[in-house]
């Protein structure tokens, strides 16, 4: 069941990239969604390693 606190992200993707994403995700035993989340987490990890941690704002700070 979908967690209503999570955000939804819709993207358009060309057929070749879509095929390759599914190929790679199947190779690693993940869903395409799982592969995308893995790649996003890896990029955030690399960014924070080089540029410093990104702080997640508290709800009270968002206004």
C-alpha atoms as a PDB file:
ATOM      1  CA  UNK A   1       0.000   0.000   0.000  1.00  0.00           C
ATOM      2  CA  UNK A   2       1.247   3.460  -0.903  1.00  0.00           C
ATOM      3  CA  UNK A   3       2.499   5.680   1.923  1.00  0.00           C
ATOM      4  CA  UNK A   4       0.512   8.918   1.685  1.00  0.00           C
ATOM      5  CA  UNK A   5       3.391  10.842   3.303  1.00  0.00           C
ATOM      6  CA  UNK A   6       5.675  10.018   0.368  1.00  0.00           C
ATOM      7  CA  UNK A   7       5.915  12.326  -2.628  1.00  0.00           C
ATOM      8  CA  UNK A   8       5.084  11.168  -6.143  1.00  0.00           C
ATOM      9  CA  UNK A   9       7.401  11.997  -9.027  1.00  0.00           C
ATOM     10  CA  UNK A  10       6.259  11.502 -12.612  1.00  0.00           C
ATOM     11  CA  UNK A  11       8.794  11.699 -15.441  1.00  0.00           C
ATOM     12  CA  UNK A  12       8.757  11.252 -19.193  1.00  0.00           C
ATOM     13  CA  UNK A  13      11.390   8.891 -20.547  1.00  0.00           C
ATOM     14  CA  UNK A  14      12.280   7.855 -24.082  1.00  0.00           C
ATOM     15  CA  UNK A  15      11.775   4.190 -25.058  1.00  0.00           C
ATOM     16  CA  UNK A  16      15.489   3.292 -25.247  1.00  0.00           C
ATOM     17  CA  UNK A  17      16.250   4.738 -21.819  1.00  0.00           C
ATOM     18  CA  UNK A  18      13.134   3.023 -20.421  1.00  0.00           C
ATOM     19  CA  UNK A  19      14.238  -0.338 -21.820  1.00  0.00           C
ATOM     20  CA  UNK A  20      17.766   0.041 -20.454  1.00  0.00           C
ATOM     21  CA  UNK A  21      16.481   1.073 -17.022  1.00  0.00           C
ATOM     22  CA  UNK A  22      14.311  -2.052 -16.846  1.00  0.00           C
ATOM     23  CA  UNK A  23      17.198  -4.207 -18.103  1.00  0.00           C
ATOM     24  CA  UNK A  24      19.544  -2.916 -15.390  1.00  0.00           C
ATOM     25  CA  UNK A  25      16.955  -3.070 -12.626  1.00  0.00           C
ATOM     26  CA  UNK A  26      16.110  -6.679 -13.540  1.00  0.00           C
ATOM     27  CA  UNK A  27      19.835  -7.536 -13.555  1.00  0.00           C
ATOM     28  CA  UNK A  28      20.158  -6.248  -9.978  1.00  0.00           C
ATOM     29  CA  UNK A  29      16.886  -7.816  -8.839  1.00  0.00           C
ATOM     30  CA  UNK A  30      15.103  -4.510  -8.318  1.00  0.00           C
ATOM     31  CA  UNK A  31      11.994  -2.960  -9.768  1.00  0.00           C
ATOM     32  CA  UNK A  32      12.451   0.029 -12.055  1.00  0.00           C
ATOM     33  CA  UNK A  33      11.146   2.229  -9.232  1.00  0.00           C
ATOM     34  CA  UNK A  34      13.613   0.611  -6.814  1.00  0.00           C
ATOM     35  CA  UNK A  35      16.465   1.182  -9.258  1.00  0.00           C
ATOM     36  CA  UNK A  36      15.560   4.853  -9.646  1.00  0.00           C
ATOM     37  CA  UNK A  37      15.431   5.308  -5.867  1.00  0.00           C
ATOM     38  CA  UNK A  38      18.796   3.537  -5.546  1.00  0.00           C
ATOM     39  CA  UNK A  39      20.361   5.821  -8.154  1.00  0.00           C
ATOM     40  CA  UNK A  40      18.908   8.947  -6.537  1.00  0.00           C
ATOM     41  CA  UNK A  41      20.233   7.883  -3.114  1.00  0.00           C
ATOM     42  CA  UNK A  42      23.676   7.203  -4.594  1.00  0.00           C
ATOM     43  CA  UNK A  43      23.777  10.640  -6.220  1.00  0.00           C
ATOM     44  CA  UNK A  44      22.695  12.347  -2.995  1.00  0.00           C
ATOM     45  CA  UNK A  45      25.352  10.384  -1.078  1.00  0.00           C
ATOM     46  CA  UNK A  46      28.049  11.459  -3.575  1.00  0.00           C
ATOM     47  CA  UNK A  47      26.866  15.073  -3.552  1.00  0.00           C
ATOM     48  CA  UNK A  48      26.869  15.267   0.238  1.00  0.00           C
ATOM     49  CA  UNK A  49      30.304  13.633   0.396  1.00  0.00           C
ATOM     50  CA  UNK A  50      31.704  16.386  -1.838  1.00  0.00           C
ATOM     51  CA  UNK A  51      29.566  19.383  -0.874  1.00  0.00           C
ATOM     52  CA  UNK A  52      28.347  18.709   2.652  1.00  0.00           C
ATOM     53  CA  UNK A  53      25.166  17.346   4.152  1.00  0.00           C
ATOM     54  CA  UNK A  54      21.851  18.695   2.950  1.00  0.00           C
ATOM     55  CA  UNK A  55      19.684  19.391   5.985  1.00  0.00           C
ATOM     56  CA  UNK A  56      16.020  18.438   5.755  1.00  0.00           C
ATOM     57  CA  UNK A  57      13.948  21.333   7.120  1.00  0.00           C
ATOM     58  CA  UNK A  58      11.518  20.802   9.991  1.00  0.00           C
ATOM     59  CA  UNK A  59       7.863  21.460   9.199  1.00  0.00           C
ATOM     60  CA  UNK A  60       7.941  24.500  11.492  1.00  0.00           C
ATOM     61  CA  UNK A  61      10.828  25.963   9.465  1.00  0.00           C
ATOM     62  CA  UNK A  62       8.963  25.602   6.147  1.00  0.00           C
ATOM     63  CA  UNK A  63       6.363  28.169   7.196  1.00  0.00           C
END
